[in-house]
Amino acid sequence: QVQLVESGGGLVQAGGSLRLSCVASGLTFNNYHMGWFRQAPGKESEFVSAISWSADNTYYADSGKGRFTISRDNGKNTVYLQMSSLKPEDSAVYYCTACARAKAIIYCRARGYDYRGQGTQVTVSS
């Protein structure tokens, strides 16, 4: 079955950096756009970033532009999210998502993904 396993979360001070990783299995990785969503307590999940199946295009929510960088390694079935200049409001559970490449990224961004991982906690202290 499909598995998306995130890692790299943790506790960091404001201004610090973290790199999240997500390893996918059970699917043909380069047939999927990959993305990250996050959910803070009491809030709905929100789109963070996405990368097209070919890595030609990347997308970011306004909250992460200039601070977050998404990348993928199709040879390792892995997608990364490099986060820098972290703020307390970035604290959330971060989820990796896979969205079939036949779908438009705009659909994937609107939670139209096919698979989601269990998440990794990111906590940014002030």
Foldseek 3Di string as FASTA:
>chain_A
DKAWDKDWADEAAQQAKIKMKIAIPPDQLLQWKKFKWWDDPPGDIAGAKIAASVNPDIDGDPVQPPFWDWDDDSVRNMIMIIGGSDDQVVWTWMKMFIAGNVDDVVCVRVVNTDDIHPTDTHGYHD
